[in-house]
Amino acid sequence: MINTFHKCFLSVVIPTFNEAGRILPTLESVVSYLRLQAYSWEIVIVDDGSLDRTPYIVSNWVKENIVEGESCSVISVGHQGKGSAIKIGMLSAKGSYRLMCDADLAVSAEQIGKFVGAIEQGNYDIVIGSRQVEGAERLHETRLRYFTGRLFNWFVRVIAVPGVEDTQCGYKCFTGSVARDLFQNQKIMGWGFDVEILFLAVRKNMNILEMPVSWISVEKSKVQVHRASFEMVRDTLLVRLRYLFGRYK
């Protein structure tokens, strides 16, 4: 692990699970973008108990490519789910702003700039990527995935997070204080964590911006649509029940 910053401007949190075949291009793209910026940054990679060589590949890449003055940490944990990896990464991060992105980089590293600019200058607590608002692009997406996603988002708006068109895009940016507040309260460790985080943000009257993104549906996605959809519906209902029974701070 190379970590030379006690404080930094931007943390990029990337969860991994069996990503040996595609994590290196993602890291190279993110680092190449960040090296062009004037602000300090760190990357926090959280491996969610991969069964392949992902942790080894990432650790070796970090040793060979991250230089003095740059910060990249690798955290390996037991397999609990994407939500768990994001929670650990967000609470381990040091940035004044903390952005999460998926290991497949379905939303490119070049789009980091507009998220950072919006949250820094627009007085927002959270800026979330949206594939649904005006100006967004959805590329190479199957009809099944599109309609399943839209049905789920309708369900989420009715049950938990009114007014948000796309809760599930994996590209989100938080201020550091908001990230600590929300992720300390996170209880869902699987796919439904996005809904829980945004549900809590809405209940706390946080200022949320949906930012249009260009999103590419990547082959070999880890998302199994039917299973993930069932888990997310269940988790959305559990969020509502936990709130009704006072389980959140």
C-alpha atoms as a PDB file:
ATOM      1  CA  MET A   1       0.000   0.000   0.000  1.00  0.00           C
ATOM      2  CA  ILE A   2       1.252   3.473  -0.871  1.00  0.00           C
ATOM      3  CA  ASN A   3      -0.494   6.251   1.043  1.00  0.00           C
ATOM      4  CA  THR A   4       1.305   9.535   1.535  1.00  0.00           C
ATOM      5  CA  PHE A   5      -1.610  11.956   2.077  1.00  0.00           C
ATOM      6  CA  HIS A   6      -3.048  12.611   5.508  1.00  0.00           C
ATOM      7  CA  LYS A   7      -5.720  14.738   3.852  1.00  0.00           C
ATOM      8  CA  CYS A   8      -6.730  14.994   0.236  1.00  0.00           C
ATOM      9  CA  PHE A   9      -9.244  16.754  -1.971  1.00  0.00           C
ATOM     10  CA  LEU A  10     -10.803  13.764  -3.771  1.00  0.00           C
ATOM     11  CA  SER A  11     -11.065  10.075  -2.885  1.00  0.00           C
ATOM     12  CA  VAL A  12     -12.127   7.608  -5.582  1.00  0.00           C
ATOM     13  CA  VAL A  13     -13.552   4.392  -4.112  1.00  0.00           C
ATOM     14  CA  ILE A  14     -13.607   1.311  -6.371  1.00  0.00           C
ATOM     15  CA  PRO A  15     -15.125  -1.994  -5.178  1.00  0.00           C
ATOM     16  CA  THR A  16     -13.816  -5.188  -6.786  1.00  0.00           C
ATOM     17  CA  PHE A  17     -15.012  -8.787  -6.889  1.00  0.00           C
ATOM     18  CA  ASN A  18     -13.414 -11.232  -9.344  1.00  0.00           C
ATOM     19  CA  GLU A  19     -12.264  -8.392 -11.618  1.00  0.00           C
ATOM     20  CA  ALA A  20      -8.879  -9.829 -12.664  1.00  0.00           C
ATOM     21  CA  GLY A  21      -9.774  -9.572 -16.339  1.00  0.00           C
ATOM     22  CA  ARG A  22     -10.588  -5.870 -16.444  1.00  0.00           C
ATOM     23  CA  ILE A  23      -9.453  -3.980 -13.355  1.00  0.00           C
ATOM     24  CA  LEU A  24      -6.087  -2.843 -14.765  1.00  0.00           C
ATOM     25  CA  PRO A  25      -7.525  -0.747 -17.637  1.00  0.00           C
ATOM     26  CA  THR A  26      -9.879   0.845 -15.104  1.00  0.00           C
ATOM     27  CA  LEU A  27      -7.040   1.765 -12.752  1.00  0.00           C
ATOM     28  CA  GLU A  28      -4.902   3.074 -15.602  1.00  0.00           C
ATOM     29  CA  SER A  29      -7.775   5.231 -16.857  1.00  0.00           C
ATOM     30  CA  VAL A  30      -8.615   6.658 -13.439  1.00  0.00           C
ATOM     31  CA  VAL A  31      -4.989   7.374 -12.528  1.00  0.00           C
ATOM     32  CA  SER A  32      -4.279   8.938 -15.926  1.00  0.00           C
ATOM     33  CA  TYR A  33      -7.209  11.310 -15.443  1.00  0.00           C
ATOM     34  CA  LEU A  34      -6.334  12.199 -11.841  1.00  0.00           C
ATOM     35  CA  ARG A  35      -2.694  12.928 -12.700  1.00  0.00           C
ATOM     36  CA  LEU A  36      -3.892  15.758 -14.937  1.00  0.00           C
ATOM     37  CA  GLN A  37      -5.707  17.488 -12.064  1.00  0.00           C
ATOM     38  CA  ALA A  38      -4.278  20.203  -9.821  1.00  0.00           C
ATOM     39  CA  TYR A  39      -5.831  18.820  -6.640  1.00  0.00           C
ATOM     40  CA  SER A  40      -4.619  16.046  -4.323  1.00  0.00           C
ATOM     41  CA  TRP A  41      -6.288  12.660  -4.669  1.00  0.00           C
ATOM     42  CA  GLU A  42      -6.328   9.093  -3.474  1.00  0.00           C
ATOM     43  CA  ILE A  43      -7.753   5.827  -4.788  1.00  0.00           C
ATOM     44  CA  VAL A  44      -9.249   3.328  -2.360  1.00  0.00           C
ATOM     45  CA  ILE A  45      -9.744  -0.159  -3.815  1.00  0.00           C
ATOM     46  CA  VAL A  46     -11.800  -2.516  -1.671  1.00  0.00           C
ATOM     47  CA  ASP A  47     -11.702  -6.158  -2.735  1.00  0.00           C
ATOM     48  CA  ASP A  48     -14.828  -7.999  -1.620  1.00  0.00           C
ATOM     49  CA  GLY A  49     -13.312 -11.458  -1.158  1.00  0.00           C
ATOM     50  CA  SER A  50     -12.418 -12.178  -4.789  1.00  0.00           C
ATOM     51  CA  LEU A  51     -11.874 -15.840  -5.667  1.00  0.00           C
ATOM     52  CA  ASP A  52      -9.546 -14.979  -8.547  1.00  0.00           C
ATOM     53  CA  ARG A  53      -6.221 -13.104  -8.578  1.00  0.00           C
ATOM     54  CA  THR A  54      -7.736  -9.610  -8.364  1.00  0.00           C
ATOM     55  CA  PRO A  55      -6.075  -8.591  -5.048  1.00  0.00           C
ATOM     56  CA  TYR A  56      -2.664  -9.827  -6.212  1.00  0.00           C
ATOM     57  CA  ILE A  57      -2.962  -8.121  -9.601  1.00  0.00           C
ATOM     58  CA  VAL A  58      -4.080  -4.823  -8.066  1.00  0.00           C
ATOM     59  CA  SER A  59      -1.413  -4.838  -5.341  1.00  0.00           C
ATOM     60  CA  ASN A  60       1.350  -5.507  -7.879  1.00  0.00           C
ATOM     61  CA  TRP A  61       0.053  -2.779 -10.166  1.00  0.00           C
ATOM     62  CA  VAL A  62       0.020  -0.297  -7.301  1.00  0.00           C
ATOM     63  CA  LYS A  63       3.618  -1.136  -6.349  1.00  0.00           C
ATOM     64  CA  GLU A  64       4.811  -0.712  -9.928  1.00  0.00           C
ATOM     65  CA  ASN A  65       2.796   2.347 -10.983  1.00  0.00           C
ATOM     66  CA  ILE A  66       1.934   4.579  -8.024  1.00  0.00           C
ATOM     67  CA  VAL A  67       4.786   6.988  -7.346  1.00  0.00           C
ATOM     68  CA  GLU A  68       5.814   9.093  -4.375  1.00  0.00           C
ATOM     69  CA  GLY A  69       3.266  11.831  -3.695  1.00  0.00           C
ATOM     70  CA  GLU A  70       0.385   9.710  -4.997  1.00  0.00           C
ATOM     71  CA  SER A  71      -1.958   7.640  -2.859  1.00  0.00           C
ATOM     72  CA  CYS A  72      -3.529   4.273  -3.655  1.00  0.00           C
ATOM     73  CA  SER A  73      -4.620   1.776  -0.998  1.00  0.00           C
ATOM     74  CA  VAL A  74      -5.895  -1.777  -1.368  1.00  0.00           C
ATOM     75  CA  ILE A  75      -8.210  -3.180   1.293  1.00  0.00           C
ATOM     76  CA  SER A  76      -9.076  -6.896   1.185  1.00  0.00           C
ATOM     77  CA  VAL A  77     -12.132  -8.092   3.103  1.00  0.00           C
ATOM     78  CA  GLY A  78     -14.306 -11.197   3.256  1.00  0.00           C
ATOM     79  CA  HIS A  79     -17.093 -11.462   0.716  1.00  0.00           C
ATOM     80  CA  GLN A  80     -20.221  -9.652   1.934  1.00  0.00           C
ATOM     81  CA  GLY A  81     -21.397  -7.755  -1.123  1.00  0.00           C
ATOM     82  CA  LYS A  82     -20.866  -4.548  -3.065  1.00  0.00           C
ATOM     83  CA  GLY A  83     -22.561  -2.454  -0.396  1.00  0.00           C
ATOM     84  CA  SER A  84     -20.111  -3.688   2.212  1.00  0.00           C
ATOM     85  CA  ALA A  85     -17.123  -2.848   0.011  1.00  0.00           C
ATOM     86  CA  ILE A  86     -18.418   0.660  -0.679  1.00  0.00           C
ATOM     87  CA  LYS A  87     -19.131   1.280   2.998  1.00  0.00           C
ATOM     88  CA  ILE A  88     -15.612   0.224   4.000  1.00  0.00           C
ATOM     89  CA  GLY A  89     -14.086   2.339   1.239  1.00  0.00           C
ATOM     90  CA  MET A  90     -16.114   5.457   1.999  1.00  0.00           C
ATOM     91  CA  LEU A  91     -15.359   5.287   5.725  1.00  0.00           C
ATOM     92  CA  SER A  92     -11.662   4.590   5.092  1.00  0.00           C
ATOM     93  CA  ALA A  93     -11.307   7.454   2.612  1.00  0.00           C
ATOM     94  CA  LYS A  94      -9.812  10.806   3.624  1.00  0.00           C
ATOM     95  CA  GLY A  95     -11.034  13.067   0.835  1.00  0.00           C
ATOM     96  CA  SER A  96     -13.021  16.251   1.254  1.00  0.00           C
ATOM     97  CA  TYR A  97     -15.070  14.740  -1.592  1.00  0.00           C
ATOM     98  CA  ARG A  98     -15.564  10.995  -2.126  1.00  0.00           C
ATOM     99  CA  LEU A  99     -16.591   9.486  -5.436  1.00  0.00           C
ATOM    100  CA  MET A 100     -17.550   5.858  -5.989  1.00  0.00           C
ATOM    101  CA  CYS A 101     -17.316   4.168  -9.370  1.00  0.00           C
ATOM    102  CA  ASP A 102     -17.666   0.596 -10.591  1.00  0.00           C
ATOM    103  CA  ALA A 103     -14.720  -1.602 -11.526  1.00  0.00           C
ATOM    104  CA  ASP A 104     -16.048  -1.942 -15.083  1.00  0.00           C
ATOM    105  CA  LEU A 105     -15.931   1.873 -15.470  1.00  0.00           C
ATOM    106  CA  ALA A 106     -19.298   1.930 -17.236  1.00  0.00           C
ATOM    107  CA  VAL A 107     -19.147   5.687 -16.633  1.00  0.00           C
ATOM    108  CA  SER A 108     -15.738   6.909 -17.782  1.00  0.00           C
ATOM    109  CA  ALA A 109     -13.067   8.533 -15.620  1.00  0.00           C
ATOM    110  CA  GLU A 110     -13.293  11.666 -17.757  1.00  0.00           C
ATOM    111  CA  GLN A 111     -16.722  12.356 -16.246  1.00  0.00           C
ATOM    112  CA  ILE A 112     -15.228  12.806 -12.750  1.00  0.00           C
ATOM    113  CA  GLY A 113     -14.636  16.483 -13.464  1.00  0.00           C
ATOM    114  CA  LYS A 114     -18.261  17.494 -13.816  1.00  0.00           C
ATOM    115  CA  PHE A 115     -19.178  15.671 -10.604  1.00  0.00           C
ATOM    116  CA  VAL A 116     -16.426  17.356  -8.616  1.00  0.00           C
ATOM    117  CA  GLY A 117     -17.251  20.730 -10.144  1.00  0.00           C
ATOM    118  CA  ALA A 118     -20.961  20.406  -9.379  1.00  0.00           C
ATOM    119  CA  ILE A 119     -20.568  19.292  -5.774  1.00  0.00           C
ATOM    120  CA  GLU A 120     -17.842  21.846  -5.032  1.00  0.00           C
ATOM    121  CA  GLN A 121     -19.496  24.863  -6.632  1.00  0.00           C
ATOM    122  CA  GLY A 122     -23.197  24.047  -6.455  1.00  0.00           C
ATOM    123  CA  ASN A 123     -23.681  23.644  -2.698  1.00  0.00           C
ATOM    124  CA  TYR A 124     -24.747  20.009  -3.116  1.00  0.00           C
ATOM    125  CA  ASP A 125     -24.287  17.296  -0.527  1.00  0.00           C
ATOM    126  CA  ILE A 126     -24.460  14.485  -3.095  1.00  0.00           C
ATOM    127  CA  VAL A 127     -24.174  14.333  -6.876  1.00  0.00           C
ATOM    128  CA  ILE A 128     -25.405  11.067  -8.385  1.00  0.00           C
ATOM    129  CA  GLY A 129     -24.968   9.786 -11.901  1.00  0.00           C
ATOM    130  CA  SER A 130     -28.225   9.353 -13.764  1.00  0.00           C
ATOM    131  CA  ARG A 131     -28.893   7.394 -16.927  1.00  0.00           C
ATOM    132  CA  GLN A 132     -32.420   8.750 -17.096  1.00  0.00           C
ATOM    133  CA  VAL A 133     -32.411  12.543 -16.834  1.00  0.00           C
ATOM    134  CA  GLU A 134     -32.161  14.806 -19.870  1.00  0.00           C
ATOM    135  CA  GLY A 135     -28.741  14.679 -21.488  1.00  0.00           C
ATOM    136  CA  ALA A 136     -27.905  11.132 -20.373  1.00  0.00           C
ATOM    137  CA  GLU A 137     -26.837   8.337 -22.725  1.00  0.00           C
ATOM    138  CA  ARG A 138     -27.392   4.593 -22.281  1.00  0.00           C
ATOM    139  CA  LEU A 139     -25.243   2.600 -24.696  1.00  0.00           C
ATOM    140  CA  HIS A 140     -25.351  -1.127 -25.596  1.00  0.00           C
ATOM    141  CA  GLU A 141     -28.013  -1.903 -22.982  1.00  0.00           C
ATOM    142  CA  THR A 142     -30.297  -4.899 -23.478  1.00  0.00           C
ATOM    143  CA  ARG A 143     -34.045  -4.318 -23.441  1.00  0.00           C
ATOM    144  CA  LEU A 144     -34.431  -6.695 -20.492  1.00  0.00           C
ATOM    145  CA  ARG A 145     -31.967  -4.757 -18.373  1.00  0.00           C
ATOM    146  CA  TYR A 146     -33.494  -1.421 -19.351  1.00  0.00           C
ATOM    147  CA  PHE A 147     -37.083  -2.365 -18.545  1.00  0.00           C
ATOM    148  CA  THR A 148     -36.114  -4.215 -15.350  1.00  0.00           C
ATOM    149  CA  GLY A 149     -34.202  -1.152 -14.201  1.00  0.00           C
ATOM    150  CA  ARG A 150     -37.020   1.266 -14.999  1.00  0.00           C
ATOM    151  CA  LEU A 151     -39.565  -0.930 -13.199  1.00  0.00           C
ATOM    152  CA  PHE A 152     -37.342  -1.106 -10.139  1.00  0.00           C
ATOM    153  CA  ASN A 153     -36.792   2.643 -10.107  1.00  0.00           C
ATOM    154  CA  TRP A 154     -40.550   3.223 -10.273  1.00  0.00           C
ATOM    155  CA  PHE A 155     -40.906   0.916  -7.270  1.00  0.00           C
ATOM    156  CA  VAL A 156     -38.143   2.766  -5.385  1.00  0.00           C
ATOM    157  CA  ARG A 157     -39.735   6.161  -6.045  1.00  0.00           C
ATOM    158  CA  VAL A 158     -43.049   4.934  -4.675  1.00  0.00           C
ATOM    159  CA  ILE A 159     -41.677   3.130  -1.613  1.00  0.00           C
ATOM    160  CA  ALA A 160     -38.492   4.906  -0.567  1.00  0.00           C
ATOM    161  CA  VAL A 161     -36.887   7.693  -2.626  1.00  0.00           C
ATOM    162  CA  PRO A 162     -39.399   9.961  -4.362  1.00  0.00           C
ATOM    163  CA  GLY A 163     -38.092  12.297  -7.028  1.00  0.00           C
ATOM    164  CA  VAL A 164     -34.897  10.411  -7.926  1.00  0.00           C
ATOM    165  CA  GLU A 165     -35.008   8.944 -11.426  1.00  0.00           C
ATOM    166  CA  ASP A 166     -31.989   6.620 -11.182  1.00  0.00           C
ATOM    167  CA  THR A 167     -30.812   5.359  -7.789  1.00  0.00           C
ATOM    168  CA  GLN A 168     -28.666   2.511  -9.121  1.00  0.00           C
ATOM    169  CA  CYS A 169     -26.008   4.129 -11.304  1.00  0.00           C
ATOM    170  CA  GLY A 170     -22.703   3.233  -9.664  1.00  0.00           C
ATOM    171  CA  TYR A 171     -21.217   6.735 -10.036  1.00  0.00           C
ATOM    172  CA  LYS A 172     -21.896   8.942  -7.007  1.00  0.00           C
ATOM    173  CA  CYS A 173     -20.005  11.739  -5.257  1.00  0.00           C
ATOM    174  CA  PHE A 174     -20.422  12.841  -1.627  1.00  0.00           C
ATOM    175  CA  THR A 175     -18.887  15.487   0.563  1.00  0.00           C
ATOM    176  CA  GLY A 176     -16.660  13.884   3.197  1.00  0.00           C
ATOM    177  CA  SER A 177     -18.916  14.805   6.128  1.00  0.00           C
ATOM    178  CA  VAL A 178     -22.031  13.526   4.353  1.00  0.00           C
ATOM    179  CA  ALA A 179     -20.290  10.265   3.435  1.00  0.00           C
ATOM    180  CA  ARG A 180     -19.352   9.661   7.073  1.00  0.00           C
ATOM    181  CA  ASP A 181     -22.874  10.418   8.248  1.00  0.00           C
ATOM    182  CA  LEU A 182     -24.653   8.222   5.701  1.00  0.00           C
ATOM    183  CA  PHE A 183     -22.329   5.237   5.438  1.00  0.00           C
ATOM    184  CA  GLN A 184     -22.019   4.879   9.220  1.00  0.00           C
ATOM    185  CA  ASN A 185     -25.767   4.235   9.178  1.00  0.00           C
ATOM    186  CA  GLN A 186     -25.688   1.807   6.237  1.00  0.00           C
ATOM    187  CA  LYS A 187     -27.031  -1.656   7.076  1.00  0.00           C
ATOM    188  CA  ILE A 188     -27.508  -3.209   3.623  1.00  0.00           C
ATOM    189  CA  MET A 189     -24.368  -4.961   2.391  1.00  0.00           C
ATOM    190  CA  GLY A 190     -25.658  -6.088  -1.024  1.00  0.00           C
ATOM    191  CA  TRP A 191     -27.041  -4.467  -4.176  1.00  0.00           C
ATOM    192  CA  GLY A 192     -29.744  -2.432  -2.421  1.00  0.00           C
ATOM    193  CA  PHE A 193     -27.346  -0.176  -0.516  1.00  0.00           C
ATOM    194  CA  ASP A 194     -27.800   2.716  -3.004  1.00  0.00           C
ATOM    195  CA  VAL A 195     -31.484   2.940  -2.144  1.00  0.00           C
ATOM    196  CA  GLU A 196     -30.726   2.916   1.579  1.00  0.00           C
ATOM    197  CA  ILE A 197     -28.107   5.673   1.295  1.00  0.00           C
ATOM    198  CA  LEU A 198     -30.366   7.903  -0.796  1.00  0.00           C
ATOM    199  CA  PHE A 199     -33.378   7.155   1.443  1.00  0.00           C
ATOM    200  CA  LEU A 200     -31.388   8.378   4.444  1.00  0.00           C
ATOM    201  CA  ALA A 201     -30.154  11.424   2.522  1.00  0.00           C
ATOM    202  CA  VAL A 202     -33.713  12.426   1.597  1.00  0.00           C
ATOM    203  CA  ARG A 203     -34.876  11.972   5.203  1.00  0.00           C
ATOM    204  CA  LYS A 204     -32.032  14.240   6.351  1.00  0.00           C
ATOM    205  CA  ASN A 205     -33.054  16.894   3.774  1.00  0.00           C
ATOM    206  CA  MET A 206     -29.708  16.684   1.989  1.00  0.00           C
ATOM    207  CA  ASN A 207     -29.281  18.487  -1.303  1.00  0.00           C
ATOM    208  CA  ILE A 208     -29.015  15.920  -4.133  1.00  0.00           C
ATOM    209  CA  LEU A 209     -28.268  16.575  -7.797  1.00  0.00           C
ATOM    210  CA  GLU A 210     -28.867  14.006 -10.548  1.00  0.00           C
ATOM    211  CA  MET A 211     -26.107  14.454 -13.097  1.00  0.00           C
ATOM    212  CA  PRO A 212     -26.621  13.061 -16.618  1.00  0.00           C
ATOM    213  CA  VAL A 213     -23.925  10.566 -17.596  1.00  0.00           C
ATOM    214  CA  SER A 214     -22.847   8.663 -20.642  1.00  0.00           C
ATOM    215  CA  TRP A 215     -23.149   5.058 -19.474  1.00  0.00           C
ATOM    216  CA  ILE A 216     -22.045   1.948 -21.351  1.00  0.00           C
ATOM    217  CA  SER A 217     -23.490  -1.453 -20.515  1.00  0.00           C
ATOM    218  CA  VAL A 218     -20.318  -3.516 -20.199  1.00  0.00           C
ATOM    219  CA  GLU A 219     -20.095  -7.168 -21.229  1.00  0.00           C
ATOM    220  CA  LYS A 220     -19.510  -9.721 -18.472  1.00  0.00           C
ATOM    221  CA  SER A 221     -21.221  -7.512 -15.922  1.00  0.00           C
ATOM    222  CA  LYS A 222     -21.322  -8.983 -12.419  1.00  0.00           C
ATOM    223  CA  VAL A 223     -25.002  -8.019 -12.141  1.00  0.00           C
ATOM    224  CA  GLN A 224     -27.332 -11.020 -12.469  1.00  0.00           C
ATOM    225  CA  VAL A 225     -30.503  -9.137 -13.333  1.00  0.00           C
ATOM    226  CA  HIS A 226     -33.136 -11.458 -11.849  1.00  0.00           C
ATOM    227  CA  ARG A 227     -31.299 -12.204  -8.609  1.00  0.00           C
ATOM    228  CA  ALA A 228     -30.199  -8.599  -8.098  1.00  0.00           C
ATOM    229  CA  SER A 229     -33.724  -7.339  -8.768  1.00  0.00           C
ATOM    230  CA  PHE A 230     -35.193  -9.660  -6.123  1.00  0.00           C
ATOM    231  CA  GLU A 231     -32.555  -8.628  -3.576  1.00  0.00           C
ATOM    232  CA  MET A 232     -33.091  -4.933  -4.245  1.00  0.00           C
ATOM    233  CA  VAL A 233     -36.886  -5.151  -3.910  1.00  0.00           C
ATOM    234  CA  ARG A 234     -36.451  -7.012  -0.613  1.00  0.00           C
ATOM    235  CA  ASP A 235     -33.859  -4.540   0.627  1.00  0.00           C
ATOM    236  CA  THR A 236     -36.001  -1.543  -0.322  1.00  0.00           C
ATOM    237  CA  LEU A 237     -38.858  -2.887   1.781  1.00  0.00           C
ATOM    238  CA  LEU A 238     -36.444  -3.563   4.655  1.00  0.00           C
ATOM    239  CA  VAL A 239     -35.202   0.037   4.524  1.00  0.00           C
ATOM    240  CA  ARG A 240     -38.744   1.260   4.940  1.00  0.00           C
ATOM    241  CA  LEU A 241     -39.401  -1.124   7.831  1.00  0.00           C
ATOM    242  CA  ARG A 242     -36.162  -0.206   9.606  1.00  0.00           C
ATOM    243  CA  TYR A 243     -37.082   3.454   9.361  1.00  0.00           C
ATOM    244  CA  LEU A 244     -40.574   2.848  10.740  1.00  0.00           C
ATOM    245  CA  PHE A 245     -39.095   0.951  13.704  1.00  0.00           C
ATOM    246  CA  GLY A 246     -36.471   3.621  14.402  1.00  0.00           C
ATOM    247  CA  ARG A 247     -33.408   1.571  13.447  1.00  0.00           C
ATOM    248  CA  TYR A 248     -31.574   4.502  11.888  1.00  0.00           C
ATOM    249  CA  LYS A 249     -29.866   7.322  13.786  1.00  0.00           C
END
